Structures are given as C-alpha cells and as structure tokens.
Amino acid sequence: MNELYVIALCEDEEKERDRIEALLVNYQTRSQTAEYEILRFSNGEGLLKHIREEVYMPDLLLLDIFMSGKSGIETAEEIRALGGDMPIVFLTTSTEYALRAYGVDAIQYLVKPLEQERFFHAMDAAMGQICRKKDSKIVIKTVGGVRQIQLDHIVYCESQKNYQAFHLAQVEYKARMTGEKLWETLEKYPQFGRCGRSYILNMDHVVSVEREEIVLDNGSTVYIPRNKAAEFKKRYFAYYFDHSDEEGINI
C-alpha cells in the first residue's frame, strides 16, 4: 500500500486550482510511489480554520501569494507560528515577494503560468523533505486531537492509568493507550529505552542515572526502584557508546 500524503492547495482562482490539481495528478501518475489527498482552499483564512479545527497539519502546502484577505505569506507565517514545519511551495505571478517568502523557509517559489517540468522539480524537492521528516516523527491521537510529534522533542513518556503522558521540553500531551502499545511504536527507535512498566525515556535527554533516580535535561527527575535504574543504566551506556562511535566522538 502506498504512503498517503495530505497536500493543501490554497489558491483564490478556481481555474488555477484546477490546473494545479491536474499537475499534481500527473506527478502522482509519474511517481506511482504515493497517494495524495488534495485539500482545496480559496483563501488563507479557510486553510487556517481547517488546521485549527482538525489539529493536524498537511504534509505539504501549495500557497498562492496574492489572495483576498490574508496573503499566502501571512498565512504561512501563522502556520509556522502554530508549529507547522511542512515544506511550502509558493505560487505567484510576480517575484516581488521572493525574499520574504524564503523568510518562512519556503523550498520553492514558482512563477505562473506553471511549467510542468519546474513544478515536478519542486515536488521532487518537497517529497524528499517530507520523507526525511516522516522518519523523525510519529502521529498520535491525543486528548486534544491528532498530533505529529517530533521524536527528538520527546523527553520521556509516563504511564498514568489508562493514559500515556508525553513529556516534551515545554508541553505535555496525553493519549488514551496502553504502555505496551506505545512501546510497540517507540522501541524501533534506538534512542528510546523502557524503564520498568511506567516509563519510556529518550536517552538523548538523559543527564544522569543515579541509584533510584534519572535526571533529564528538561529539569525532570524520574524516581524508580534501584534494580530498574540499574537495568536502564546498562542500556543507556550501551546506547551512549554505540551512538558516540557512530558519530565519531572520542570518549
């Protein structure tokens, strides 16, 4: 089964939306390695409303710059402020705002009328970036809605009755799931280690492992039985030395 990607197309002219969607269909036919769900919006306000209500970011944004209401750049700035880190491709009739466009880390700035070859090149760059990012995040249905969580942002996870708490550096999310189910998701990533039945720790965030406590770089301390700390300490040092060797670090 091919991977499904959500692409938000925001363009105020219906005929232009149709042309761009046709290009997307042609690109998908050529690549045959993915399926696209195309969300069409006629203005930035509609796109932002959808993101806030769904609590889920599209994988890619195709944004017209000149639209009634919010411009494409203003829309992109708000999406970035909401935490959206997806690739953005701007579509425009002028190069006037090119510099400001790259201020929101746009990967391409295409001038209309769109040429298929240039559009395909932009899509290749965007899909390459998306694939790299998908390997570094998980999608979890939290109490507040479906969220994409960067793996390196997770400091530790804690079982709380029927919920799992995701402790990030500055925010916490809760998901109704078992610790076993969460561990099935995270155990394939080498930076995560399970500590007893209650905790899953990101070893990249561990500061120290003492007799009955583990100190993390966000200021948190996890208290656990001494034997569980000893088990985790062995795994932590095995990861630390393996990771250091791979990075070429001398210890």
C-alpha atoms as a PDB file:
ATOM      1  CA  MET A   1       0.000   0.000   0.000  1.00  0.00           C
ATOM      2  CA  ASN A   2       1.396   3.406  -0.992  1.00  0.00           C
ATOM      3  CA  GLU A   3       2.011   6.111   1.601  1.00  0.00           C
ATOM      4  CA  LEU A   4      -0.780   8.720   1.804  1.00  0.00           C
ATOM      5  CA  TYR A   5       0.222  12.397   1.863  1.00  0.00           C
ATOM      6  CA  VAL A   6      -2.086  15.331   2.547  1.00  0.00           C
ATOM      7  CA  ILE A   7      -1.469  18.328   0.280  1.00  0.00           C
ATOM      8  CA  ALA A   8      -3.192  21.651   0.967  1.00  0.00           C
ATOM      9  CA  LEU A   9      -3.696  23.749  -2.166  1.00  0.00           C
ATOM     10  CA  CYS A  10      -4.613  27.354  -1.393  1.00  0.00           C
ATOM     11  CA  GLU A  11      -5.400  29.452  -4.481  1.00  0.00           C
ATOM     12  CA  ASP A  12      -8.171  32.028  -4.872  1.00  0.00           C
ATOM     13  CA  GLU A  13      -8.891  31.365  -8.570  1.00  0.00           C
ATOM     14  CA  GLU A  14     -10.862  28.182  -9.245  1.00  0.00           C
ATOM     15  CA  LYS A  15      -9.427  27.650 -12.742  1.00  0.00           C
ATOM     16  CA  GLU A  16      -5.898  27.911 -11.356  1.00  0.00           C
ATOM     17  CA  ARG A  17      -6.765  25.423  -8.577  1.00  0.00           C
ATOM     18  CA  ASP A  18      -7.962  23.028 -11.276  1.00  0.00           C
ATOM     19  CA  ARG A  19      -4.708  23.450 -13.263  1.00  0.00           C
ATOM     20  CA  ILE A  20      -2.533  22.844 -10.216  1.00  0.00           C
ATOM     21  CA  GLU A  21      -4.556  19.823  -9.163  1.00  0.00           C
ATOM     22  CA  ALA A  22      -4.132  18.419 -12.692  1.00  0.00           C
ATOM     23  CA  LEU A  23      -0.364  18.859 -12.349  1.00  0.00           C
ATOM     24  CA  LEU A  24      -0.486  17.017  -9.027  1.00  0.00           C
ATOM     25  CA  VAL A  25      -2.391  14.142 -10.639  1.00  0.00           C
ATOM     26  CA  ASN A  26       0.205  13.973 -13.431  1.00  0.00           C
ATOM     27  CA  TYR A  27       3.024  13.981 -10.880  1.00  0.00           C
ATOM     28  CA  GLN A  28       1.389  11.197  -8.880  1.00  0.00           C
ATOM     29  CA  THR A  29       0.910   9.151 -12.043  1.00  0.00           C
ATOM     30  CA  ARG A  30       4.574   9.584 -12.887  1.00  0.00           C
ATOM     31  CA  SER A  31       5.931   8.700  -9.439  1.00  0.00           C
ATOM     32  CA  GLN A  32       3.457   5.889  -8.570  1.00  0.00           C
ATOM     33  CA  THR A  33       5.037   5.656  -5.119  1.00  0.00           C
ATOM     34  CA  ALA A  34       2.480   7.632  -3.128  1.00  0.00           C
ATOM     35  CA  GLU A  35      -1.158   8.658  -2.938  1.00  0.00           C
ATOM     36  CA  TYR A  36      -2.289  12.230  -2.368  1.00  0.00           C
ATOM     37  CA  GLU A  37      -5.293  13.667  -0.580  1.00  0.00           C
ATOM     38  CA  ILE A  38      -5.675  17.162  -2.013  1.00  0.00           C
ATOM     39  CA  LEU A  39      -7.417  19.734   0.181  1.00  0.00           C
ATOM     40  CA  ARG A  40      -8.558  22.788  -1.789  1.00  0.00           C
ATOM     41  CA  PHE A  41      -8.913  26.247  -0.230  1.00  0.00           C
ATOM     42  CA  SER A  42      -9.780  29.579  -1.835  1.00  0.00           C
ATOM     43  CA  ASN A  43      -8.233  31.724   0.913  1.00  0.00           C
ATOM     44  CA  GLY A  44      -5.777  31.627   3.790  1.00  0.00           C
ATOM     45  CA  GLU A  45      -8.473  32.022   6.423  1.00  0.00           C
ATOM     46  CA  GLY A  46     -10.134  28.792   5.299  1.00  0.00           C
ATOM     47  CA  LEU A  47      -6.848  26.893   5.426  1.00  0.00           C
ATOM     48  CA  LEU A  48      -6.014  28.198   8.904  1.00  0.00           C
ATOM     49  CA  LYS A  49      -9.513  27.368  10.172  1.00  0.00           C
ATOM     50  CA  HIS A  50      -9.148  23.810   8.884  1.00  0.00           C
ATOM     51  CA  ILE A  51      -5.758  23.352  10.591  1.00  0.00           C
ATOM     52  CA  ARG A  52      -7.013  24.699  13.918  1.00  0.00           C
ATOM     53  CA  GLU A  53     -10.160  22.572  13.873  1.00  0.00           C
ATOM     54  CA  GLU A  54      -8.535  19.351  12.690  1.00  0.00           C
ATOM     55  CA  VAL A  55      -5.399  19.805  14.857  1.00  0.00           C
ATOM     56  CA  TYR A  56      -3.471  18.112  12.071  1.00  0.00           C
ATOM     57  CA  MET A  57      -1.001  19.691   9.700  1.00  0.00           C
ATOM     58  CA  PRO A  58      -0.918  18.892   5.971  1.00  0.00           C
ATOM     59  CA  ASP A  59       2.284  17.291   4.692  1.00  0.00           C
ATOM     60  CA  LEU A  60       2.762  19.974   2.021  1.00  0.00           C
ATOM     61  CA  LEU A  61       1.427  23.481   1.337  1.00  0.00           C
ATOM     62  CA  LEU A  62       0.996  24.949  -2.145  1.00  0.00           C
ATOM     63  CA  LEU A  63       0.204  28.612  -1.499  1.00  0.00           C
ATOM     64  CA  ASP A  64      -0.734  31.422  -3.846  1.00  0.00           C
ATOM     65  CA  ILE A  65       0.788  34.666  -2.571  1.00  0.00           C
ATOM     66  CA  PHE A  66      -1.774  37.191  -3.867  1.00  0.00           C
ATOM     67  CA  MET A  67      -5.181  36.335  -2.375  1.00  0.00           C
ATOM     68  CA  SER A  68      -8.029  38.367  -0.947  1.00  0.00           C
ATOM     69  CA  GLY A  69      -7.796  38.588   2.825  1.00  0.00           C
ATOM     70  CA  LYS A  70      -4.585  37.088   4.141  1.00  0.00           C
ATOM     71  CA  SER A  71      -1.777  36.770   1.652  1.00  0.00           C
ATOM     72  CA  GLY A  72      -0.044  33.454   1.162  1.00  0.00           C
ATOM     73  CA  ILE A  73       2.978  34.692   3.093  1.00  0.00           C
ATOM     74  CA  GLU A  74       0.851  35.892   6.033  1.00  0.00           C
ATOM     75  CA  THR A  75      -0.904  32.525   6.039  1.00  0.00           C
ATOM     76  CA  ALA A  76       2.434  30.699   6.018  1.00  0.00           C
ATOM     77  CA  GLU A  77       3.729  32.829   8.903  1.00  0.00           C
ATOM     78  CA  GLU A  78       0.696  31.914  11.028  1.00  0.00           C
ATOM     79  CA  ILE A  79       1.046  28.216  10.177  1.00  0.00           C
ATOM     80  CA  ARG A  80       4.716  28.321  11.169  1.00  0.00           C
ATOM     81  CA  ALA A  81       3.692  30.014  14.449  1.00  0.00           C
ATOM     82  CA  LEU A  82       1.266  27.127  15.062  1.00  0.00           C
ATOM     83  CA  GLY A  83       4.159  24.680  14.732  1.00  0.00           C
ATOM     84  CA  GLY A  84       3.754  23.642  11.105  1.00  0.00           C
ATOM     85  CA  ASP A  85       7.135  22.570   9.731  1.00  0.00           C
ATOM     86  CA  MET A  86       5.980  21.142   6.422  1.00  0.00           C
ATOM     87  CA  PRO A  87       7.532  22.159   3.062  1.00  0.00           C
ATOM     88  CA  ILE A  88       5.919  25.218   1.469  1.00  0.00           C
ATOM     89  CA  VAL A  89       5.843  25.975  -2.255  1.00  0.00           C
ATOM     90  CA  PHE A  90       4.695  29.490  -3.151  1.00  0.00           C
ATOM     91  CA  LEU A  91       2.854  30.177  -6.411  1.00  0.00           C
ATOM     92  CA  THR A  92       2.713  33.728  -7.737  1.00  0.00           C
ATOM     93  CA  THR A  93       2.573  35.981 -10.761  1.00  0.00           C
ATOM     94  CA  SER A  94       5.462  38.138  -9.526  1.00  0.00           C
ATOM     95  CA  THR A  95       8.910  37.745  -7.955  1.00  0.00           C
ATOM     96  CA  GLU A  96       8.292  40.816  -5.794  1.00  0.00           C
ATOM     97  CA  TYR A  97       7.938  38.875  -2.534  1.00  0.00           C
ATOM     98  CA  ALA A  98      10.555  36.199  -3.137  1.00  0.00           C
ATOM     99  CA  LEU A  99      12.862  37.317  -0.323  1.00  0.00           C
ATOM    100  CA  ARG A 100      10.056  37.431   2.247  1.00  0.00           C
ATOM    101  CA  ALA A 101       8.840  34.040   1.043  1.00  0.00           C
ATOM    102  CA  TYR A 102      12.131  32.430   1.981  1.00  0.00           C
ATOM    103  CA  GLY A 103      11.776  34.001   5.420  1.00  0.00           C
ATOM    104  CA  VAL A 104       9.268  31.241   6.221  1.00  0.00           C
ATOM    105  CA  ASP A 105      11.622  28.565   4.831  1.00  0.00           C
ATOM    106  CA  ALA A 106       9.782  28.043   1.560  1.00  0.00           C
ATOM    107  CA  ILE A 107      11.553  25.440  -0.536  1.00  0.00           C
ATOM    108  CA  GLN A 108      10.350  26.779  -3.914  1.00  0.00           C
ATOM    109  CA  TYR A 109       8.923  29.986  -5.367  1.00  0.00           C
ATOM    110  CA  LEU A 110       7.212  29.261  -8.682  1.00  0.00           C
ATOM    111  CA  VAL A 111       6.065  31.987 -11.054  1.00  0.00           C
ATOM    112  CA  LYS A 112       2.843  31.451 -13.009  1.00  0.00           C
ATOM    113  CA  PRO A 113       1.997  30.199 -15.534  1.00  0.00           C
ATOM    114  CA  LEU A 114       3.419  26.997 -14.065  1.00  0.00           C
ATOM    115  CA  GLU A 115       5.585  24.822 -16.257  1.00  0.00           C
ATOM    116  CA  GLN A 116       5.200  21.100 -15.650  1.00  0.00           C
ATOM    117  CA  GLU A 117       8.959  20.452 -15.523  1.00  0.00           C
ATOM    118  CA  ARG A 118       9.581  23.144 -12.890  1.00  0.00           C
ATOM    119  CA  PHE A 119       6.533  22.047 -10.909  1.00  0.00           C
ATOM    120  CA  PHE A 120       7.729  18.429 -10.914  1.00  0.00           C
ATOM    121  CA  HIS A 121      11.179  19.583  -9.775  1.00  0.00           C
ATOM    122  CA  ALA A 122       9.575  21.464  -6.861  1.00  0.00           C
ATOM    123  CA  MET A 123       7.511  18.396  -5.958  1.00  0.00           C
ATOM    124  CA  ASP A 124      10.604  16.177  -6.018  1.00  0.00           C
ATOM    125  CA  ALA A 125      12.305  18.523  -3.542  1.00  0.00           C
ATOM    126  CA  ALA A 126       9.206  18.720  -1.334  1.00  0.00           C
ATOM    127  CA  MET A 127       8.591  14.968  -1.275  1.00  0.00           C
ATOM    128  CA  GLY A 128      12.235  14.311  -0.467  1.00  0.00           C
ATOM    129  CA  GLN A 129      11.986  16.632   2.524  1.00  0.00           C
ATOM    130  CA  ILE A 130       8.679  15.090   3.634  1.00  0.00           C
ATOM    131  CA  CYS A 131      10.079  11.554   3.533  1.00  0.00           C
ATOM    132  CA  ARG A 132      13.089  12.554   5.624  1.00  0.00           C
ATOM    133  CA  LYS A 133      10.871  14.252   8.201  1.00  0.00           C
ATOM    134  CA  LYS A 134       8.401  11.365   8.413  1.00  0.00           C
ATOM    135  CA  ASP A 135      11.216   9.171   9.691  1.00  0.00           C
ATOM    136  CA  SER A 136      11.722  11.569  12.605  1.00  0.00           C
ATOM    137  CA  LYS A 137       8.141  11.925  13.871  1.00  0.00           C
ATOM    138  CA  ILE A 138       5.148   9.880  14.985  1.00  0.00           C
ATOM    139  CA  VAL A 139       1.437  10.590  14.684  1.00  0.00           C
ATOM    140  CA  ILE A 140      -0.507  10.129  17.931  1.00  0.00           C
ATOM    141  CA  LYS A 141      -4.206  10.608  18.683  1.00  0.00           C
ATOM    142  CA  THR A 142      -4.006  12.699  21.843  1.00  0.00           C
ATOM    143  CA  VAL A 143      -6.745  14.032  24.101  1.00  0.00           C
ATOM    144  CA  GLY A 144      -6.651  17.325  22.160  1.00  0.00           C
ATOM    145  CA  GLY A 145      -6.704  15.707  18.717  1.00  0.00           C
ATOM    146  CA  VAL A 146      -4.322  14.025  16.299  1.00  0.00           C
ATOM    147  CA  ARG A 147      -0.799  15.412  16.568  1.00  0.00           C
ATOM    148  CA  GLN A 148       2.509  14.932  14.816  1.00  0.00           C
ATOM    149  CA  ILE A 149       5.234  14.702  17.459  1.00  0.00           C
ATOM    150  CA  GLN A 150       8.917  15.058  16.654  1.00  0.00           C
ATOM    151  CA  LEU A 151      10.803  12.148  18.208  1.00  0.00           C
ATOM    152  CA  ASP A 152      13.691  14.308  19.371  1.00  0.00           C
ATOM    153  CA  HIS A 153      11.211  16.589  21.197  1.00  0.00           C
ATOM    154  CA  ILE A 154      10.024  13.734  23.433  1.00  0.00           C
ATOM    155  CA  VAL A 155      11.921  13.809  26.748  1.00  0.00           C
ATOM    156  CA  TYR A 156      10.055  10.890  28.343  1.00  0.00           C
ATOM    157  CA  CYS A 157       6.693   9.132  28.423  1.00  0.00           C
ATOM    158  CA  GLU A 158       4.870   8.099  31.568  1.00  0.00           C
ATOM    159  CA  SER A 159       2.001   5.659  32.141  1.00  0.00           C
ATOM    160  CA  GLN A 160      -0.892   7.255  34.021  1.00  0.00           C
ATOM    161  CA  LYS A 161      -3.644   4.656  34.471  1.00  0.00           C
ATOM    162  CA  ASN A 162      -5.348   4.363  31.050  1.00  0.00           C
ATOM    163  CA  TYR A 163      -3.278   7.155  29.515  1.00  0.00           C
ATOM    164  CA  GLN A 164       0.259   7.785  28.355  1.00  0.00           C
ATOM    165  CA  ALA A 165       1.724  11.224  29.062  1.00  0.00           C
ATOM    166  CA  PHE A 166       4.205  12.583  26.515  1.00  0.00           C
ATOM    167  CA  HIS A 167       6.546  14.997  28.278  1.00  0.00           C
ATOM    168  CA  LEU A 168       8.176  17.363  25.799  1.00  0.00           C
ATOM    169  CA  ALA A 169      10.517  20.220  26.666  1.00  0.00           C
ATOM    170  CA  GLN A 170       7.751  22.811  27.074  1.00  0.00           C
ATOM    171  CA  VAL A 171       4.448  20.983  26.680  1.00  0.00           C
ATOM    172  CA  GLU A 172       2.705  17.758  27.677  1.00  0.00           C
ATOM    173  CA  TYR A 173       0.238  15.644  25.680  1.00  0.00           C
ATOM    174  CA  LYS A 174      -1.881  12.723  26.852  1.00  0.00           C
ATOM    175  CA  ALA A 175      -3.080   9.802  24.764  1.00  0.00           C
ATOM    176  CA  ARG A 176      -5.518   7.065  25.758  1.00  0.00           C
ATOM    177  CA  MET A 177      -3.427   3.970  25.084  1.00  0.00           C
ATOM    178  CA  THR A 178      -1.507   1.289  26.951  1.00  0.00           C
ATOM    179  CA  GLY A 179       2.178   1.423  27.735  1.00  0.00           C
ATOM    180  CA  GLU A 180       2.661  -1.741  25.678  1.00  0.00           C
ATOM    181  CA  LYS A 181       1.076  -0.149  22.619  1.00  0.00           C
ATOM    182  CA  LEU A 182       3.244   2.952  22.960  1.00  0.00           C
ATOM    183  CA  TRP A 183       6.367   0.835  23.380  1.00  0.00           C
ATOM    184  CA  GLU A 184       5.499  -1.036  20.167  1.00  0.00           C
ATOM    185  CA  THR A 185       5.629   2.350  18.427  1.00  0.00           C
ATOM    186  CA  LEU A 186       8.850   3.610  20.014  1.00  0.00           C
ATOM    187  CA  GLU A 187      11.022   0.533  20.523  1.00  0.00           C
ATOM    188  CA  LYS A 188      12.228   0.569  16.898  1.00  0.00           C
ATOM    189  CA  TYR A 189      13.960   3.906  17.549  1.00  0.00           C
ATOM    190  CA  PRO A 190      17.312   3.304  19.289  1.00  0.00           C
ATOM    191  CA  GLN A 191      17.206   6.487  21.385  1.00  0.00           C
ATOM    192  CA  PHE A 192      14.253   5.208  23.443  1.00  0.00           C
ATOM    193  CA  GLY A 193      14.636   2.862  26.392  1.00  0.00           C
ATOM    194  CA  ARG A 194      11.953   1.401  28.615  1.00  0.00           C
ATOM    195  CA  CYS A 195      12.404   1.770  32.356  1.00  0.00           C
ATOM    196  CA  GLY A 196      10.076  -0.590  34.177  1.00  0.00           C
ATOM    197  CA  ARG A 197       6.437  -0.601  33.066  1.00  0.00           C
ATOM    198  CA  SER A 198       5.785   3.079  33.749  1.00  0.00           C
ATOM    199  CA  TYR A 199       8.439   4.994  31.812  1.00  0.00           C
ATOM    200  CA  ILE A 200       9.907   5.243  28.330  1.00  0.00           C
ATOM    201  CA  LEU A 201      12.867   7.621  28.248  1.00  0.00           C
ATOM    202  CA  ASN A 202      14.603   9.366  25.373  1.00  0.00           C
ATOM    203  CA  MET A 203      18.247   8.636  26.154  1.00  0.00           C
ATOM    204  CA  ASP A 204      19.362  11.722  24.242  1.00  0.00           C
ATOM    205  CA  HIS A 205      17.741  13.752  27.040  1.00  0.00           C
ATOM    206  CA  VAL A 206      19.216  11.833  29.993  1.00  0.00           C
ATOM    207  CA  VAL A 207      21.642  13.856  32.137  1.00  0.00           C
ATOM    208  CA  SER A 208      22.440  11.282  34.821  1.00  0.00           C
ATOM    209  CA  VAL A 209      21.353   7.873  36.131  1.00  0.00           C
ATOM    210  CA  GLU A 210      21.696   7.505  39.906  1.00  0.00           C
ATOM    211  CA  ARG A 211      20.712   4.708  42.269  1.00  0.00           C
ATOM    212  CA  GLU A 212      16.989   5.385  42.296  1.00  0.00           C
ATOM    213  CA  GLU A 213      16.546   8.390  40.036  1.00  0.00           C
ATOM    214  CA  ILE A 214      17.124   9.520  36.478  1.00  0.00           C
ATOM    215  CA  VAL A 215      17.659  13.215  35.774  1.00  0.00           C
ATOM    216  CA  LEU A 216      16.554  14.627  32.419  1.00  0.00           C
ATOM    217  CA  ASP A 217      17.631  17.793  30.630  1.00  0.00           C
ATOM    218  CA  ASN A 218      14.228  19.469  30.967  1.00  0.00           C
ATOM    219  CA  GLY A 219      14.685  19.527  34.740  1.00  0.00           C
ATOM    220  CA  SER A 220      12.510  16.479  35.437  1.00  0.00           C
ATOM    221  CA  THR A 221      13.574  13.650  37.731  1.00  0.00           C
ATOM    222  CA  VAL A 222      12.128  10.152  37.358  1.00  0.00           C
ATOM    223  CA  TYR A 223      12.158   8.089  40.560  1.00  0.00           C
ATOM    224  CA  ILE A 224      12.242   4.315  40.131  1.00  0.00           C
ATOM    225  CA  PRO A 225      13.271   1.175  42.077  1.00  0.00           C
ATOM    226  CA  ARG A 226      17.028   0.675  42.260  1.00  0.00           C
ATOM    227  CA  ASN A 227      17.020  -2.528  40.203  1.00  0.00           C
ATOM    228  CA  LYS A 228      15.079  -0.820  37.385  1.00  0.00           C
ATOM    229  CA  ALA A 229      17.580   2.044  37.374  1.00  0.00           C
ATOM    230  CA  ALA A 230      20.434  -0.450  37.112  1.00  0.00           C
ATOM    231  CA  GLU A 231      18.791  -2.175  34.138  1.00  0.00           C
ATOM    232  CA  PHE A 232      18.210   1.132  32.392  1.00  0.00           C
ATOM    233  CA  LYS A 233      21.754   2.297  33.149  1.00  0.00           C
ATOM    234  CA  LYS A 234      23.173  -0.701  31.251  1.00  0.00           C
ATOM    235  CA  ARG A 235      21.016   0.093  28.228  1.00  0.00           C
ATOM    236  CA  TYR A 236      21.829   3.781  28.429  1.00  0.00           C
ATOM    237  CA  PHE A 237      25.584   3.244  28.399  1.00  0.00           C
ATOM    238  CA  ALA A 238      25.311   0.688  25.592  1.00  0.00           C
ATOM    239  CA  TYR A 239      23.397   3.272  23.528  1.00  0.00           C
ATOM    240  CA  TYR A 240      25.717   6.091  24.529  1.00  0.00           C
ATOM    241  CA  PHE A 241      28.898   4.309  23.484  1.00  0.00           C
ATOM    242  CA  ASP A 242      27.385   2.904  20.262  1.00  0.00           C
ATOM    243  CA  HIS A 243      25.998   6.339  19.352  1.00  0.00           C
ATOM    244  CA  SER A 244      29.321   8.018  20.141  1.00  0.00           C
ATOM    245  CA  ASP A 245      31.205   5.572  17.938  1.00  0.00           C
ATOM    246  CA  GLU A 246      28.805   6.206  15.043  1.00  0.00           C
ATOM    247  CA  GLU A 247      29.209   9.980  15.413  1.00  0.00           C
ATOM    248  CA  GLY A 248      32.993   9.706  15.651  1.00  0.00           C
ATOM    249  CA  ILE A 249      33.119  11.072  19.187  1.00  0.00           C
ATOM    250  CA  ASN A 250      36.094  10.191  21.388  1.00  0.00           C
ATOM    251  CA  ILE A 251      35.177   9.157  24.918  1.00  0.00           C
END
